[in-house]
PDB file of all heavy atoms in Angstrom:
ATOM      1  N   GLY A   1     101.722 109.900 114.316  1.00  0.00           N
ATOM      2  CA  GLY A   1     102.944 110.692 114.306  1.00  0.00           C
ATOM      3  C   GLY A   1     102.738 111.921 113.446  1.00  0.00           C
ATOM      4  O   GLY A   1     101.836 112.720 113.694  1.00  0.00           O
ATOM      5  N   ASN A   2     103.543 112.054 112.399  1.00  0.00           N
ATOM      6  CA  ASN A   2     103.384 113.178 111.473  1.00  0.00           C
ATOM      7  C   ASN A   2     102.702 112.766 110.175  1.00  0.00           C
ATOM      8  O   ASN A   2     102.670 113.535 109.213  1.00  0.00           O
ATOM      9  CB  ASN A   2     104.739 113.827 111.175  1.00  0.00           C
ATOM     10  CG  ASN A   2     105.718 112.856 110.517  1.00  0.00           C
ATOM     11  OD1 ASN A   2     105.383 111.696 110.283  1.00  0.00           O
ATOM     12  ND2 ASN A   2     106.918 113.322 110.234  1.00  0.00           N
ATOM     13  N   LYS A   3     102.131 111.559 110.150  1.00  0.00           N
ATOM     14  CA  LYS A   3     101.449 111.061 108.952  1.00  0.00           C
ATOM     15  C   LYS A   3      99.940 111.234 109.109  1.00  0.00           C
ATOM     16  O   LYS A   3      99.383 110.904 110.168  1.00  0.00           O
ATOM     17  CB  LYS A   3     101.804 109.591 108.690  1.00  0.00           C
ATOM     18  CG  LYS A   3     103.281 109.373 108.404  1.00  0.00           C
ATOM     19  CD  LYS A   3     103.593 107.923 108.144  1.00  0.00           C
ATOM     20  CE  LYS A   3     103.632 107.098 109.417  1.00  0.00           C
ATOM     21  NZ  LYS A   3     104.779 107.444 110.275  1.00  0.00           N
ATOM     22  N   VAL A   4      99.283 111.721 108.068  1.00  0.00           N
ATOM     23  CA  VAL A   4      97.842 111.973 108.080  1.00  0.00           C
ATOM     24  C   VAL A   4      97.183 111.084 107.030  1.00  0.00           C
ATOM     25  O   VAL A   4      97.574 111.110 105.853  1.00  0.00           O
ATOM     26  CB  VAL A   4      97.536 113.458 107.789  1.00  0.00           C
ATOM     27  CG1 VAL A   4      96.028 113.697 107.766  1.00  0.00           C
ATOM     28  CG2 VAL A   4      98.208 114.357 108.827  1.00  0.00           C
ATOM     29  N   VAL A   5      96.190 110.300 107.459  1.00  0.00           N
ATOM     30  CA  VAL A   5      95.516 109.374 106.549  1.00  0.00           C
ATOM     31  C   VAL A   5      94.008 109.671 106.588  1.00  0.00           C
ATOM     32  O   VAL A   5      93.378 109.508 107.633  1.00  0.00           O
ATOM     33  CB  VAL A   5      95.761 107.908 106.943  1.00  0.00           C
ATOM     34  CG1 VAL A   5      95.186 106.963 105.878  1.00  0.00           C
ATOM     35  CG2 VAL A   5      97.243 107.639 107.169  1.00  0.00           C
ATOM     36  N   PRO A   6      93.404 110.088 105.463  1.00  0.00           N
ATOM     37  CA  PRO A   6      91.959 110.306 105.407  1.00  0.00           C
ATOM     38  C   PRO A   6      91.238 109.099 104.804  1.00  0.00           C
ATOM     39  O   PRO A   6      91.882 108.178 104.292  1.00  0.00           O
ATOM     40  CB  PRO A   6      91.845 111.516 104.470  1.00  0.00           C
ATOM     41  CG  PRO A   6      92.976 111.304 103.500  1.00  0.00           C
ATOM     42  CD  PRO A   6      94.077 110.592 104.262  1.00  0.00           C
ATOM     43  N   GLU A   7      89.906 109.120 104.879  1.00  0.00           N
ATOM     44  CA  GLU A   7      89.028 108.131 104.258  1.00  0.00           C
ATOM     45  C   GLU A   7      89.081 106.796 104.996  1.00  0.00           C
ATOM     46  O   GLU A   7      90.142 106.180 105.131  1.00  0.00           O
ATOM     47  CB  GLU A   7      89.361 107.907 102.776  1.00  0.00           C
ATOM     48  CG  GLU A   7      89.281 109.155 101.931  1.00  0.00           C
ATOM     49  CD  GLU A   7      87.862 109.682 101.777  1.00  0.00           C
ATOM     50  OE1 GLU A   7      86.926 108.874 101.803  1.00  0.00           O
ATOM     51  OE2 GLU A   7      87.694 110.909 101.639  1.00  0.00           O
ATOM     52  N   SER A   8      87.919 106.318 105.422  1.00  0.00           N
ATOM     53  CA  SER A   8      87.877 105.177 106.337  1.00  0.00           C
ATOM     54  C   SER A   8      88.470 103.901 105.759  1.00  0.00           C
ATOM     55  O   SER A   8      89.206 103.187 106.453  1.00  0.00           O
ATOM     56  CB  SER A   8      86.440 104.931 106.816  1.00  0.00           C
ATOM     57  OG  SER A   8      85.586 104.575 105.741  1.00  0.00           O
ATOM     58  N   PHE A   9      88.188 103.572 104.497  1.00  0.00           N
ATOM     59  CA  PHE A   9      88.739 102.336 103.940  1.00  0.00           C
ATOM     60  C   PHE A   9      90.264 102.417 103.825  1.00  0.00           C
ATOM     61  O   PHE A   9      90.974 101.437 104.075  1.00  0.00           O
ATOM     62  CB  PHE A   9      88.138 102.031 102.569  1.00  0.00           C
ATOM     63  CG  PHE A   9      86.722 101.525 102.623  1.00  0.00           C
ATOM     64  CD1 PHE A   9      85.925 101.517 101.487  1.00  0.00           C
ATOM     65  CD2 PHE A   9      86.161 101.057 103.802  1.00  0.00           C
ATOM     66  CE1 PHE A   9      84.617 101.042 101.523  1.00  0.00           C
ATOM     67  CE2 PHE A   9      84.863 100.589 103.854  1.00  0.00           C
ATOM     68  CZ  PHE A   9      84.089 100.581 102.708  1.00  0.00           C
ATOM     69  N   THR A  10      90.761 103.583 103.432  1.00  0.00           N
ATOM     70  CA  THR A  10      92.209 103.786 103.357  1.00  0.00           C
ATOM     71  C   THR A  10      92.835 103.660 104.738  1.00  0.00           C
ATOM     72  O   THR A  10      93.897 103.045 104.906  1.00  0.00           O
ATOM     73  CB  THR A  10      92.523 105.171 102.758  1.00  0.00           C
ATOM     74  OG1 THR A  10      91.867 105.310 101.510  1.00  0.00           O
ATOM     75  CG2 THR A  10      94.024 105.355 102.566  1.00  0.00           C
ATOM     76  N   ILE A  11      92.151 104.215 105.744  1.00  0.00           N
ATOM     77  CA  ILE A  11      92.647 104.128 107.122  1.00  0.00           C
ATOM     78  C   ILE A  11      92.686 102.684 107.591  1.00  0.00           C
ATOM     79  O   ILE A  11      93.651 102.240 108.226  1.00  0.00           O
ATOM     80  CB  ILE A  11      91.789 104.990 108.059  1.00  0.00           C
ATOM     81  CG1 ILE A  11      91.904 106.472 107.700  1.00  0.00           C
ATOM     82  CG2 ILE A  11      92.204 104.772 109.511  1.00  0.00           C
ATOM     83  CD1 ILE A  11      90.912 107.367 108.424  1.00  0.00           C
ATOM     84  N   LEU A  12      91.636 101.904 107.287  1.00  0.00           N
ATOM     85  CA  LEU A  12      91.609 100.500 107.704  1.00  0.00           C
ATOM     86  C   LEU A  12      92.819  99.746 107.156  1.00  0.00           C
ATOM     87  O   LEU A  12      93.459  98.965 107.874  1.00  0.00           O
ATOM     88  CB  LEU A  12      90.328  99.820 107.234  1.00  0.00           C
ATOM     89  CG  LEU A  12      89.009 100.244 107.871  1.00  0.00           C
ATOM     90  CD1 LEU A  12      87.866  99.361 107.361  1.00  0.00           C
ATOM     91  CD2 LEU A  12      89.061 100.200 109.384  1.00  0.00           C
ATOM     92  N   GLU A  13      93.125  99.953 105.897  1.00  0.00           N
ATOM     93  CA  GLU A  13      94.262  99.240 105.308  1.00  0.00           C
ATOM     94  C   GLU A  13      95.580  99.736 105.891  1.00  0.00           C
ATOM     95  O   GLU A  13      96.508  98.942 106.119  1.00  0.00           O
ATOM     96  CB  GLU A  13      94.232  99.368 103.784  1.00  0.00           C
ATOM     97  CG  GLU A  13      93.030  98.661 103.162  1.00  0.00           C
ATOM     98  CD  GLU A  13      93.268  98.203 101.744  1.00  0.00           C
ATOM     99  OE1 GLU A  13      94.400  97.776 101.436  1.00  0.00           O
ATOM    100  OE2 GLU A  13      92.321  98.267 100.940  1.00  0.00           O
ATOM    101  N   TYR A  14      95.667 101.037 106.154  1.00  0.00           N
ATOM    102  CA  TYR A  14      96.885 101.570 106.775  1.00  0.00           C
ATOM    103  C   TYR A  14      97.095 100.951 108.155  1.00  0.00           C
ATOM    104  O   TYR A  14      98.203 100.530 108.503  1.00  0.00           O
ATOM    105  CB  TYR A  14      96.802 103.098 106.889  1.00  0.00           C
ATOM    106  CG  TYR A  14      97.992 103.691 107.605  1.00  0.00           C
ATOM    107  CD1 TYR A  14      99.179 103.923 106.920  1.00  0.00           C
ATOM    108  CD2 TYR A  14      97.940 103.994 108.970  1.00  0.00           C
ATOM    109  CE1 TYR A  14     100.296 104.442 107.577  1.00  0.00           C
ATOM    110  CE2 TYR A  14      99.047 104.509 109.628  1.00  0.00           C
ATOM    111  CZ  TYR A  14     100.219 104.738 108.933  1.00  0.00           C
ATOM    112  OH  TYR A  14     101.314 105.238 109.587  1.00  0.00           O
ATOM    113  N   ILE A  15      96.026 100.892 108.943  1.00  0.00           N
ATOM    114  CA  ILE A  15      96.110 100.289 110.272  1.00  0.00           C
ATOM    115  C   ILE A  15      96.561  98.837 110.177  1.00  0.00           C
ATOM    116  O   ILE A  15      97.444  98.384 110.918  1.00  0.00           O
ATOM    117  CB  ILE A  15      94.741 100.381 110.986  1.00  0.00           C
ATOM    118  CG1 ILE A  15      94.442 101.828 111.377  1.00  0.00           C
ATOM    119  CG2 ILE A  15      94.696  99.479 112.213  1.00  0.00           C
ATOM    120  CD1 ILE A  15      93.020 102.047 111.879  1.00  0.00           C
ATOM    121  N   ASP A  16      95.981  98.104 109.237  1.00  0.00           N
ATOM    122  CA  ASP A  16      96.293  96.676 109.129  1.00  0.00           C
ATOM    123  C   ASP A  16      97.735  96.445 108.694  1.00  0.00           C
ATOM    124  O   ASP A  16      98.384  95.490 109.131  1.00  0.00           O
ATOM    125  CB  ASP A  16      95.334  96.021 108.133  1.00  0.00           C
ATOM    126  CG  ASP A  16      95.208  94.518 108.347  1.00  0.00           C
ATOM    127  OD1 ASP A  16      95.351  94.070 109.504  1.00  0.00           O
ATOM    128  OD2 ASP A  16      94.949  93.799 107.366  1.00  0.00           O
ATOM    129  N   GLU A  17      98.253  97.324 107.843  1.00  0.00           N
ATOM    130  CA  GLU A  17      99.622  97.154 107.348  1.00  0.00           C
ATOM    131  C   GLU A  17     100.667  97.684 108.330  1.00  0.00           C
ATOM    132  O   GLU A  17     101.823  97.265 108.301  1.00  0.00           O
ATOM    133  CB  GLU A  17      99.764  97.841 105.990  1.00  0.00           C
ATOM    134  CG  GLU A  17      98.962  97.146 104.899  1.00  0.00           C
ATOM    135  CD  GLU A  17      98.903  97.937 103.603  1.00  0.00           C
ATOM    136  OE1 GLU A  17      99.594  98.980 103.513  1.00  0.00           O
ATOM    137  OE2 GLU A  17      98.156  97.531 102.691  1.00  0.00           O
ATOM    138  N   THR A  18     100.249  98.606 109.209  1.00  0.00           N
ATOM    139  CA  THR A  18     101.188  99.198 110.161  1.00  0.00           C
ATOM    140  C   THR A  18     101.312  98.355 111.426  1.00  0.00           C
ATOM    141  O   THR A  18     102.409  98.165 111.952  1.00  0.00           O
ATOM    142  CB  THR A  18     100.745 100.627 110.528  1.00  0.00           C
ATOM    143  OG1 THR A  18     100.654 101.413 109.329  1.00  0.00           O
ATOM    144  CG2 THR A  18     101.732 101.291 111.474  1.00  0.00           C
ATOM    145  N   TRP A  19     100.194  97.847 111.908  1.00  0.00           N
ATOM    146  CA  TRP A  19     100.175  97.012 113.111  1.00  0.00           C
ATOM    147  C   TRP A  19      99.779  95.598 112.689  1.00  0.00           C
ATOM    148  O   TRP A  19      98.640  95.350 112.275  1.00  0.00           O
ATOM    149  CB  TRP A  19      99.184  97.565 114.128  1.00  0.00           C
ATOM    150  CG  TRP A  19      99.621  98.881 114.713  1.00  0.00           C
ATOM    151  CD1 TRP A  19     100.450  99.070 115.780  1.00  0.00           C
ATOM    152  CD2 TRP A  19      99.246 100.198 114.268  1.00  0.00           C
ATOM    153  NE1 TRP A  19     100.607 100.421 116.035  1.00  0.00           N
ATOM    154  CE2 TRP A  19      99.881 101.133 115.114  1.00  0.00           C
ATOM    155  CE3 TRP A  19      98.428 100.680 113.233  1.00  0.00           C
ATOM    156  CZ2 TRP A  19      99.733 102.509 114.970  1.00  0.00           C
ATOM    157  CZ3 TRP A  19      98.283 102.045 113.071  1.00  0.00           C
ATOM    158  CH2 TRP A  19      98.936 102.944 113.936  1.00  0.00           C
ATOM    159  N   LYS A  20     100.718  94.683 112.794  1.00  0.00           N
ATOM    160  CA  LYS A  20     100.531  93.351 112.212  1.00  0.00           C
ATOM    161  C   LYS A  20      99.684  92.415 113.068  1.00  0.00           C
ATOM    162  O   LYS A  20      99.179  91.408 112.583  1.00  0.00           O
ATOM    163  CB  LYS A  20     101.893  92.697 111.958  1.00  0.00           C
ATOM    164  CG  LYS A  20     102.802  93.501 111.019  1.00  0.00           C
ATOM    165  CD  LYS A  20     102.165  93.678 109.650  1.00  0.00           C
ATOM    166  CE  LYS A  20     103.126  94.386 108.695  1.00  0.00           C
ATOM    167  NZ  LYS A  20     102.502  94.618 107.367  1.00  0.00           N
ATOM    168  N   GLN A  21      99.505  92.731 114.365  1.00  0.00           N
ATOM    169  CA  GLN A  21      98.739  91.842 115.236  1.00  0.00           C
ATOM    170  C   GLN A  21      97.264  91.839 114.827  1.00  0.00           C
ATOM    171  O   GLN A  21      96.750  92.819 114.305  1.00  0.00           O
ATOM    172  CB  GLN A  21      98.877  92.267 116.711  1.00  0.00           C
ATOM    173  CG  GLN A  21      98.230  93.594 117.093  1.00  0.00           C
ATOM    174  CD  GLN A  21      99.129  94.801 116.887  1.00  0.00           C
ATOM    175  OE1 GLN A  21     100.065  94.750 116.107  1.00  0.00           O
ATOM    176  NE2 GLN A  21      98.840  95.876 117.616  1.00  0.00           N
ATOM    177  N   ASN A  22      96.613  90.720 115.064  1.00  0.00           N
ATOM    178  CA  ASN A  22      95.179  90.571 114.748  1.00  0.00           C
ATOM    179  C   ASN A  22      94.857  91.062 113.334  1.00  0.00           C
ATOM    180  O   ASN A  22      94.141  92.036 113.150  1.00  0.00           O
ATOM    181  CB  ASN A  22      94.322  91.337 115.768  1.00  0.00           C
ATOM    182  CG  ASN A  22      94.568  90.886 117.186  1.00  0.00           C
ATOM    183  OD1 ASN A  22      94.801  89.713 117.442  1.00  0.00           O
ATOM    184  ND2 ASN A  22      94.532  91.824 118.121  1.00  0.00           N
ATOM    185  N   PRO A  23      95.385  90.384 112.308  1.00  0.00           N
ATOM    186  CA  PRO A  23      95.193  90.859 110.928  1.00  0.00           C
ATOM    187  C   PRO A  23      93.715  91.021 110.569  1.00  0.00           C
ATOM    188  O   PRO A  23      92.879  90.197 110.959  1.00  0.00           O
ATOM    189  CB  PRO A  23      95.834  89.757 110.079  1.00  0.00           C
ATOM    190  CG  PRO A  23      96.769  89.054 111.004  1.00  0.00           C
ATOM    191  CD  PRO A  23      96.153  89.134 112.364  1.00  0.00           C
ATOM    192  N   LEU A  24      93.432  92.073 109.830  1.00  0.00           N
ATOM    193  CA  LEU A  24      92.068  92.327 109.355  1.00  0.00           C
ATOM    194  C   LEU A  24      91.856  91.740 107.968  1.00  0.00           C
ATOM    195  O   LEU A  24      90.852  91.091 107.702  1.00  0.00           O
ATOM    196  CB  LEU A  24      91.788  93.837 109.332  1.00  0.00           C
ATOM    197  CG  LEU A  24      91.964  94.603 110.640  1.00  0.00           C
ATOM    198  CD1 LEU A  24      91.705  96.077 110.419  1.00  0.00           C
ATOM    199  CD2 LEU A  24      91.028  94.045 111.712  1.00  0.00           C
ATOM    200  N   MET A  25      92.792  91.977 107.089  1.00  0.00           N
ATOM    201  CA  MET A  25      92.698  91.498 105.714  1.00  0.00           C
ATOM    202  C   MET A  25      93.138  90.036 105.612  1.00  0.00           C
ATOM    203  O   MET A  25      94.034  89.599 106.335  1.00  0.00           O
ATOM    204  CB  MET A  25      93.588  92.339 104.798  1.00  0.00           C
ATOM    205  CG  MET A  25      92.932  93.578 104.255  1.00  0.00           C
ATOM    206  SD  MET A  25      91.702  93.151 102.996  1.00  0.00           S
ATOM    207  CE  MET A  25      91.431  94.753 102.253  1.00  0.00           C
ATOM    208  N   PRO A  26      92.513  89.263 104.721  1.00  0.00           N
ATOM    209  CA  PRO A  26      92.995  87.903 104.460  1.00  0.00           C
ATOM    210  C   PRO A  26      94.417  87.936 103.906  1.00  0.00           C
ATOM    211  O   PRO A  26      94.849  88.927 103.323  1.00  0.00           O
ATOM    212  CB  PRO A  26      92.013  87.372 103.408  1.00  0.00           C
ATOM    213  CG  PRO A  26      90.906  88.338 103.324  1.00  0.00           C
ATOM    214  CD  PRO A  26      91.376  89.634 103.867  1.00  0.00           C
ATOM    215  N   GLN A  27      95.143  86.852 104.090  1.00  0.00           N
ATOM    216  CA  GLN A  27      96.515  86.776 103.587  1.00  0.00           C
ATOM    217  C   GLN A  27      96.552  86.522 102.081  1.00  0.00           C
ATOM    218  O   GLN A  27      97.468  86.964 101.388  1.00  0.00           O
ATOM    219  CB  GLN A  27      97.272  85.673 104.322  1.00  0.00           C
ATOM    220  CG  GLN A  27      97.450  85.940 105.809  1.00  0.00           C
ATOM    221  CD  GLN A  27      98.147  87.251 106.090  1.00  0.00           C
ATOM    222  OE1 GLN A  27      99.279  87.468 105.653  1.00  0.00           O
ATOM    223  NE2 GLN A  27      97.481  88.146 106.813  1.00  0.00           N
ATOM    224  N   ASP A  28      95.549  85.832 101.583  1.00  0.00           N
ATOM    225  CA  ASP A  28      95.509  85.484 100.160  1.00  0.00           C
ATOM    226  C   ASP A  28      95.184  86.712  99.313  1.00  0.00           C
ATOM    227  O   ASP A  28      94.196  87.414  99.599  1.00  0.00           O
ATOM    228  CB  ASP A  28      94.450  84.405  99.922  1.00  0.00           C
ATOM    229  CG  ASP A  28      94.304  84.062  98.460  1.00  0.00           C
ATOM    230  OD1 ASP A  28      95.253  83.513  97.883  1.00  0.00           O
ATOM    231  OD2 ASP A  28      93.241  84.377  97.881  1.00  0.00           O
ATOM    232  N   PRO A  29      95.971  87.023  98.267  1.00  0.00           N
ATOM    233  CA  PRO A  29      95.732  88.214  97.452  1.00  0.00           C
ATOM    234  C   PRO A  29      94.342  88.243  96.810  1.00  0.00           C
ATOM    235  O   PRO A  29      93.720  89.311  96.719  1.00  0.00           O
ATOM    236  CB  PRO A  29      96.831  88.153  96.380  1.00  0.00           C
ATOM    237  CG  PRO A  29      97.910  87.329  97.000  1.00  0.00           C
ATOM    238  CD  PRO A  29      97.207  86.327  97.866  1.00  0.00           C
ATOM    239  N   TYR A  30      93.866  87.085  96.356  1.00  0.00           N
ATOM    240  CA  TYR A  30      92.538  87.053  95.748  1.00  0.00           C
ATOM    241  C   TYR A  30      91.468  87.370  96.780  1.00  0.00           C
ATOM    242  O   TYR A  30      90.544  88.153  96.524  1.00  0.00           O
ATOM    243  CB  TYR A  30      92.277  85.677  95.132  1.00  0.00           C
ATOM    244  CG  TYR A  30      90.864  85.534  94.586  1.00  0.00           C
ATOM    245  CD1 TYR A  30      90.482  86.207  93.437  1.00  0.00           C
ATOM    246  CD2 TYR A  30      89.917  84.745  95.237  1.00  0.00           C
ATOM    247  CE1 TYR A  30      89.192  86.096  92.939  1.00  0.00           C
ATOM    248  CE2 TYR A  30      88.626  84.625  94.755  1.00  0.00           C
ATOM    249  CZ  TYR A  30      88.264  85.310  93.601  1.00  0.00           C
ATOM    250  OH  TYR A  30      86.988  85.205  93.126  1.00  0.00           O
ATOM    251  N   ALA A  31      91.584  86.780  97.962  1.00  0.00           N
ATOM    252  CA  ALA A  31      90.605  87.050  99.021  1.00  0.00           C
ATOM    253  C   ALA A  31      90.629  88.526  99.420  1.00  0.00           C
ATOM    254  O   ALA A  31      89.588  89.116  99.710  1.00  0.00           O
ATOM    255  CB  ALA A  31      90.878  86.161 100.232  1.00  0.00           C
ATOM    256  N   ARG A  32      91.822  89.149  99.425  1.00  0.00           N
ATOM    257  CA  ARG A  32      91.905  90.579  99.731  1.00  0.00           C
ATOM    258  C   ARG A  32      91.195  91.395  98.665  1.00  0.00           C
ATOM    259  O   ARG A  32      90.469  92.345  98.977  1.00  0.00           O
ATOM    260  CB  ARG A  32      93.364  91.024  99.838  1.00  0.00           C
ATOM    261  CG  ARG A  32      94.067  90.549 101.094  1.00  0.00           C
ATOM    262  CD  ARG A  32      95.305  91.389 101.397  1.00  0.00           C
ATOM    263  NE  ARG A  32      96.295  91.355 100.336  1.00  0.00           N
ATOM    264  CZ  ARG A  32      97.243  90.428 100.235  1.00  0.00           C
ATOM    265  NH1 ARG A  32      97.314  89.448 101.131  1.00  0.00           N
ATOM    266  NH2 ARG A  32      98.122  90.474  99.258  1.00  0.00           N
ATOM    267  N   ALA A  33      91.409  91.016  97.407  1.00  0.00           N
ATOM    268  CA  ALA A  33      90.762  91.744  96.316  1.00  0.00           C
ATOM    269  C   ALA A  33      89.247  91.629  96.399  1.00  0.00           C
ATOM    270  O   ALA A  33      88.518  92.613  96.211  1.00  0.00           O
ATOM    271  CB  ALA A  33      91.258  91.215  94.967  1.00  0.00           C
ATOM    272  N   ILE A  34      88.746  90.442  96.698  1.00  0.00           N
ATOM    273  CA  ILE A  34      87.305  90.239  96.814  1.00  0.00           C
ATOM    274  C   ILE A  34      86.738  91.017  98.009  1.00  0.00           C
ATOM    275  O   ILE A  34      85.639  91.571  97.939  1.00  0.00           O
ATOM    276  CB  ILE A  34      86.986  88.732  96.918  1.00  0.00           C
ATOM    277  CG1 ILE A  34      87.372  88.016  95.619  1.00  0.00           C
ATOM    278  CG2 ILE A  34      85.519  88.514  97.226  1.00  0.00           C
ATOM    279  CD1 ILE A  34      86.670  88.536  94.376  1.00  0.00           C
ATOM    280  N   SER A  35      87.493  91.064  99.098  1.00  0.00           N
ATOM    281  CA  SER A  35      87.055  91.844 100.259  1.00  0.00           C
ATOM    282  C   SER A  35      86.903  93.320  99.894  1.00  0.00           C
ATOM    283  O   SER A  35      85.926  93.972 100.275  1.00  0.00           O
ATOM    284  CB  SER A  35      88.051  91.691 101.414  1.00  0.00           C
ATOM    285  OG  SER A  35      88.043  90.374 101.923  1.00  0.00           O
ATOM    286  N   ARG A  36      87.869  93.849  99.160  1.00  0.00           N
ATOM    287  CA  ARG A  36      87.784  95.256  98.729  1.00  0.00           C
ATOM    288  C   ARG A  36      86.584  95.472  97.817  1.00  0.00           C
ATOM    289  O   ARG A  36      85.889  96.486  97.911  1.00  0.00           O
ATOM    290  CB  ARG A  36      89.073  95.669  98.019  1.00  0.00           C
ATOM    291  CG  ARG A  36      90.294  95.733  98.917  1.00  0.00           C
ATOM    292  CD  ARG A  36      91.483  96.307  98.167  1.00  0.00           C
ATOM    293  NE  ARG A  36      92.693  96.277  98.973  1.00  0.00           N
ATOM    294  CZ  ARG A  36      93.665  95.375  98.843  1.00  0.00           C
ATOM    295  NH1 ARG A  36      93.562  94.422  97.914  1.00  0.00           N
ATOM    296  NH2 ARG A  36      94.723  95.414  99.623  1.00  0.00           N
ATOM    297  N   PHE A  37      86.363  94.519  96.916  1.00  0.00           N
ATOM    298  CA  PHE A  37      85.221  94.642  96.002  1.00  0.00           C
ATOM    299  C   PHE A  37      83.915  94.757  96.774  1.00  0.00           C
ATOM    300  O   PHE A  37      83.094  95.653  96.530  1.00  0.00           O
ATOM    301  CB  PHE A  37      85.156  93.443  95.053  1.00  0.00           C
ATOM    302  CG  PHE A  37      83.845  93.360  94.310  1.00  0.00           C
ATOM    303  CD1 PHE A  37      83.617  94.143  93.196  1.00  0.00           C
ATOM    304  CD2 PHE A  37      82.819  92.530  94.764  1.00  0.00           C
ATOM    305  CE1 PHE A  37      82.396  94.095  92.536  1.00  0.00           C
ATOM    306  CE2 PHE A  37      81.605  92.473  94.116  1.00  0.00           C
ATOM    307  CZ  PHE A  37      81.386  93.264  92.992  1.00  0.00           C
TER     308      PHE A  37
END
């Protein structure tokens, strides 16, 4: 739309949070943190 998102990792998280189907990130906060690490 009118939103611009740069940087691939930032884009991946934006996509995952905007479209909920087929989640990319784990649901567990610790697992998400480890994935980012």
